[in-house]
Amino acid sequence: MAERGAVQSPRRFRALVSGAVVLAALAVLVSLGTWQLQRLHWKERLLSEIAGRRTAAAVSLSELEKLAADGEDIDYRPVTAQGTYVNDGERHFFATWNGQSGYYVYTPLALENGRFVLVNRGFVPYEKKKPETRVEGQLSGPQTVTGLGRGRLEGKPSWVVPDNDLAGNIFYWKDLDAMASSAGIPASSLVPFFIDADDTPNPGGLPVGGVTQFDLPNNHLQYALTWYGLAVTLVLVSGLYVLRRKD
């Protein structure tokens, strides 16, 4: 009897350990599924808020600045600004548009009050990076820009994103301060956000405006179902294992 008890004791211990591992794995899978559902609700609210901002009436640049100063989210809010483009200060952000490689052209807009705002005027193909290849689109004189406010990034989005090439005037992430300083704009004169110009055609067809992306990925429901599905599978497999052991 003692020998039989000694044999059962390791088996019981292994069963307890296996059960604890299964329960821990189940808890992790359910937690991940629940987290993805929370992310789903957050993303749906965000998309709804963005849709509301996009359809709102355009405000002046000074009004948008006040909203930003008050802590409001100015991303995707329609705005108008008046000024003169500083064409020799344009910065180039590496991008693709409709499957074509090239750049978004960010040009400083000099305002009447002596300040500057960086405007994403739109997309140019790779071979049209140099301004002299698209002279018609180099607008001069007073301009009225209509577009969407875009918030600044606090840092590089990910370690996989390359560092900006200031010498080559190629930006891989939107570093507002670096873009402005490399264009000769002092930080004290800089409006602290960008403007994405609308799709009003430019002379010569370049840059192509209206390039703001709105299709934010929302796959959280799919991820949640995947995690919950794995949890159900784990329960079923564990149950079958227990039943077979009893047989």
Protein backbone atom coordinates (compact mmCIF):
# COMPACT_ATOMS: atom_id res chain seq x y z
CA MET A 1 0.00 0.00 0.00
CA ALA A 2 2.84 2.36 0.87
CA GLU A 3 4.47 1.65 -2.51
CA ARG A 4 1.20 2.37 -4.33
CA GLY A 5 0.81 5.64 -2.43
CA ALA A 6 4.35 6.62 -3.36
CA VAL A 7 3.55 6.03 -7.05
CA GLN A 8 0.33 8.03 -6.85
CA SER A 9 1.99 10.96 -5.09
CA PRO A 10 4.21 12.01 -8.06
CA ARG A 11 1.26 11.51 -10.40
CA ARG A 12 -0.93 13.69 -8.24
CA PHE A 13 1.81 16.31 -8.09
CA ARG A 14 2.20 16.31 -11.87
CA ALA A 15 -1.57 16.59 -12.27
CA LEU A 16 -1.70 19.58 -9.93
CA VAL A 17 1.18 21.30 -11.77
CA SER A 18 -0.45 20.60 -15.14
CA GLY A 19 -3.76 21.96 -13.90
CA ALA A 20 -2.09 25.11 -12.56
CA VAL A 21 -0.32 25.66 -15.90
CA VAL A 22 -3.57 25.21 -17.83
CA LEU A 23 -5.44 27.62 -15.55
CA ALA A 24 -2.65 30.20 -15.85
CA ALA A 25 -2.63 29.90 -19.65
CA LEU A 26 -6.42 30.17 -19.71
CA ALA A 27 -6.31 33.30 -17.60
CA VAL A 28 -3.75 34.88 -19.94
CA LEU A 29 -5.77 34.06 -23.06
CA VAL A 30 -9.02 35.41 -21.58
CA SER A 31 -7.21 38.54 -20.38
CA LEU A 32 -5.79 39.17 -23.84
CA GLY A 33 -9.21 38.74 -25.43
CA THR A 34 -10.79 41.14 -22.93
CA TRP A 35 -8.01 43.67 -23.51
CA GLN A 36 -8.64 43.55 -27.25
CA LEU A 37 -12.35 44.20 -26.66
CA GLN A 38 -11.42 47.24 -24.59
CA ARG A 39 -9.15 48.38 -27.40
CA LEU A 40 -12.02 47.85 -29.84
CA HIS A 41 -14.31 50.18 -27.88
CA TRP A 42 -11.50 52.75 -27.62
CA LYS A 43 -10.80 52.59 -31.37
CA GLU A 44 -14.49 52.93 -32.24
CA ARG A 45 -14.78 56.04 -30.05
CA LEU A 46 -11.62 57.46 -31.64
CA LEU A 47 -12.91 56.88 -35.18
CA SER A 48 -16.24 58.46 -34.25
CA GLU A 49 -14.48 61.51 -32.79
CA ILE A 50 -12.29 61.87 -35.88
CA ALA A 51 -15.34 61.66 -38.15
CA GLY A 52 -16.97 64.41 -36.10
CA ARG A 53 -13.92 66.67 -36.28
CA ARG A 54 -13.50 66.19 -40.04
CA THR A 55 -17.03 67.38 -40.75
CA ALA A 56 -16.86 70.40 -38.45
CA ALA A 57 -16.64 73.94 -39.82
CA ALA A 58 -13.13 75.20 -40.52
CA VAL A 59 -11.61 77.48 -37.88
CA SER A 60 -8.84 80.04 -38.20
CA LEU A 61 -5.28 79.12 -37.37
CA SER A 62 -5.37 81.30 -34.24
CA GLU A 63 -8.52 79.50 -33.05
CA LEU A 64 -6.88 76.13 -33.61
CA GLU A 65 -3.83 77.27 -31.67
CA LYS A 66 -6.06 78.26 -28.77
CA LEU A 67 -7.73 74.85 -28.80
CA ALA A 68 -4.29 73.19 -28.75
CA ALA A 69 -3.16 75.43 -25.88
CA ASP A 70 -6.29 74.44 -23.94
CA GLY A 71 -5.38 70.77 -24.31
CA GLU A 72 -7.92 69.96 -27.01
CA ASP A 73 -7.08 67.33 -29.63
CA ILE A 74 -6.60 69.29 -32.85
CA ASP A 75 -5.92 66.25 -35.05
CA TYR A 76 -8.11 66.29 -38.19
CA ARG A 77 -9.82 69.58 -37.34
CA PRO A 78 -10.47 71.73 -40.45
CA VAL A 79 -8.48 74.96 -40.45
CA THR A 80 -7.64 77.88 -42.74
CA ALA A 81 -4.43 79.90 -42.69
CA GLN A 82 -3.13 82.86 -44.68
CA GLY A 83 0.50 83.49 -45.47
CA THR A 84 3.31 83.16 -47.98
CA TYR A 85 5.11 79.92 -48.75
CA VAL A 86 8.85 79.81 -48.07
CA ASN A 87 9.55 77.46 -50.96
CA ASP A 88 13.28 77.15 -50.41
CA GLY A 89 12.56 75.74 -46.95
CA GLU A 90 10.45 72.78 -48.04
CA ARG A 91 11.13 69.48 -46.26
CA HIS A 92 10.59 66.04 -47.78
CA PHE A 93 8.87 63.20 -45.93
CA PHE A 94 9.32 59.75 -47.49
CA ALA A 95 5.90 58.32 -48.36
CA THR A 96 3.83 56.28 -50.77
CA TRP A 97 0.65 57.47 -52.43
CA ASN A 98 -1.62 55.24 -54.48
CA GLY A 99 1.15 52.66 -54.70
CA GLN A 100 3.80 55.13 -55.90
CA SER A 101 6.95 55.98 -53.94
CA GLY A 102 7.88 59.58 -53.36
CA TYR A 103 7.60 62.34 -50.80
CA TYR A 104 5.14 64.54 -48.98
CA VAL A 105 6.28 68.13 -49.37
CA TYR A 106 6.21 70.11 -46.11
CA THR A 107 6.62 73.82 -46.81
CA PRO A 108 6.82 76.59 -44.20
CA LEU A 109 3.99 79.10 -44.49
CA ALA A 110 5.12 82.53 -43.27
CA LEU A 111 2.24 84.20 -41.41
CA GLU A 112 1.59 87.93 -41.16
CA ASN A 113 2.51 87.93 -37.47
CA GLY A 114 6.03 86.69 -38.23
CA ARG A 115 5.40 83.09 -37.23
CA PHE A 116 5.51 79.93 -39.37
CA VAL A 117 3.41 76.80 -39.76
CA LEU A 118 4.59 73.72 -41.65
CA VAL A 119 2.09 72.72 -44.34
CA ASN A 120 1.97 69.27 -45.92
CA ARG A 121 1.20 70.44 -49.44
CA GLY A 122 0.89 66.87 -50.73
CA PHE A 123 2.66 64.13 -52.64
CA VAL A 124 5.32 64.30 -55.35
CA PRO A 125 6.85 61.24 -57.10
CA TYR A 126 10.38 60.20 -56.26
CA GLU A 127 11.81 61.78 -59.42
CA LYS A 128 10.11 65.10 -58.61
CA LYS A 129 11.79 65.64 -55.26
CA LYS A 130 13.81 68.63 -56.47
CA PRO A 131 11.69 71.82 -56.60
CA GLU A 132 13.15 72.83 -59.98
CA THR A 133 11.39 69.82 -61.56
CA ARG A 134 7.96 71.23 -60.60
CA VAL A 135 8.39 75.00 -60.85
CA GLU A 136 4.71 75.65 -61.57
CA GLY A 137 3.73 74.34 -58.14
CA GLN A 138 6.10 76.69 -56.31
CA LEU A 139 3.41 79.18 -55.31
CA SER A 140 4.45 82.76 -54.59
CA GLY A 141 2.65 85.68 -53.00
CA PRO A 142 -0.13 85.57 -50.40
CA GLN A 143 -1.93 82.22 -50.17
CA THR A 144 -4.96 80.89 -48.30
CA VAL A 145 -4.48 77.31 -47.19
CA THR A 146 -7.39 75.10 -46.19
CA GLY A 147 -6.72 71.73 -44.63
CA LEU A 148 -6.63 69.68 -41.45
CA GLY A 149 -4.67 70.26 -38.29
CA ARG A 150 -2.25 67.43 -37.44
CA GLY A 151 -0.62 67.04 -34.06
CA ARG A 152 3.09 66.72 -33.56
CA LEU A 153 4.79 63.47 -32.55
CA GLU A 154 6.59 63.37 -29.22
CA GLY A 155 9.21 60.96 -30.53
CA LYS A 156 10.10 58.39 -33.15
CA PRO A 157 7.14 56.00 -33.48
CA SER A 158 9.25 52.83 -33.42
CA TRP A 159 12.86 51.69 -33.36
CA VAL A 160 12.35 50.12 -36.79
CA VAL A 161 11.74 53.57 -38.32
CA PRO A 162 15.02 54.95 -39.75
CA ASP A 163 16.55 58.11 -38.37
CA ASN A 164 15.79 61.26 -40.31
CA ASP A 165 18.41 62.25 -42.87
CA LEU A 166 18.75 65.98 -42.26
CA ALA A 167 21.66 66.39 -44.68
CA GLY A 168 19.70 64.73 -47.50
CA ASN A 169 16.45 66.44 -46.53
CA ILE A 170 14.64 63.10 -46.18
CA PHE A 171 12.41 62.55 -43.17
CA TYR A 172 11.12 59.13 -42.16
CA TRP A 173 9.07 60.38 -39.23
CA LYS A 174 7.48 63.78 -38.64
CA ASP A 175 9.88 65.46 -36.24
CA LEU A 176 8.38 68.95 -36.20
CA ASP A 177 11.30 70.60 -34.43
CA ALA A 178 13.91 69.02 -36.72
CA MET A 179 11.92 69.90 -39.84
CA ALA A 180 11.60 73.51 -38.72
CA SER A 181 15.17 74.01 -37.51
CA SER A 182 16.63 72.43 -40.68
CA ALA A 183 14.52 74.92 -42.67
CA GLY A 184 15.93 77.82 -40.65
CA ILE A 185 12.80 78.42 -38.55
CA PRO A 186 13.46 79.26 -34.88
CA ALA A 187 11.43 77.28 -32.35
CA SER A 188 10.05 80.50 -30.85
CA SER A 189 8.38 81.35 -34.18
CA LEU A 190 6.89 77.91 -34.86
CA VAL A 191 3.21 76.98 -34.66
CA PRO A 192 3.29 73.69 -32.65
CA PHE A 193 1.43 71.50 -35.15
CA PHE A 194 1.18 70.77 -38.87
CA ILE A 195 -1.48 71.46 -41.47
CA ASP A 196 -2.35 68.88 -44.13
CA ALA A 197 -3.52 70.85 -47.17
CA ASP A 198 -6.75 69.75 -48.85
CA ASP A 199 -7.02 68.43 -52.40
CA THR A 200 -7.27 71.83 -54.09
CA PRO A 201 -5.24 71.31 -57.32
CA ASN A 202 -1.84 72.98 -57.53
CA PRO A 203 -0.52 74.50 -60.77
CA GLY A 204 1.18 71.80 -62.83
CA GLY A 205 -0.57 69.12 -60.77
CA LEU A 206 2.13 68.87 -58.12
CA PRO A 207 2.15 68.47 -55.19
CA VAL A 208 -1.02 66.34 -55.08
CA GLY A 209 -2.93 67.58 -52.04
CA GLY A 210 -5.45 65.83 -49.83
CA VAL A 211 -3.16 62.99 -48.78
CA THR A 212 -4.33 62.68 -45.17
CA GLN A 213 -4.87 59.04 -44.23
CA PHE A 214 -8.08 58.19 -42.36
CA ASP A 215 -8.17 54.40 -42.66
CA LEU A 216 -6.89 53.63 -39.17
CA PRO A 217 -6.63 49.84 -38.72
CA ASN A 218 -9.31 48.35 -36.49
CA ASN A 219 -8.70 44.62 -36.19
CA HIS A 220 -9.32 44.36 -32.44
CA LEU A 221 -12.50 42.27 -32.76
CA GLN A 222 -10.63 39.74 -34.88
CA TYR A 223 -7.81 39.62 -32.33
CA ALA A 224 -10.29 39.23 -29.45
CA LEU A 225 -12.05 36.32 -31.16
CA THR A 226 -8.66 34.70 -31.81
CA TRP A 227 -7.65 34.86 -28.12
CA TYR A 228 -11.06 33.67 -26.92
CA GLY A 229 -11.01 30.90 -29.51
CA LEU A 230 -7.64 29.71 -28.22
CA ALA A 231 -9.04 29.75 -24.67
CA VAL A 232 -11.98 27.56 -25.72
CA THR A 233 -9.63 25.21 -27.56
CA LEU A 234 -7.44 24.92 -24.47
CA VAL A 235 -10.48 24.02 -22.33
CA LEU A 236 -11.65 21.38 -24.84
CA VAL A 237 -8.20 19.78 -25.22
CA SER A 238 -7.68 19.73 -21.46
CA GLY A 239 -11.12 18.19 -20.92
CA LEU A 240 -10.48 15.44 -23.48
CA TYR A 241 -7.13 14.70 -21.84
CA VAL A 242 -8.75 14.32 -18.42
CA LEU A 243 -11.49 12.04 -19.78
CA ARG A 244 -8.95 9.80 -21.49
CA ARG A 245 -6.90 9.56 -18.31
CA LYS A 246 -9.99 8.39 -16.43
CA ASP A 247 -10.61 5.67 -19.01
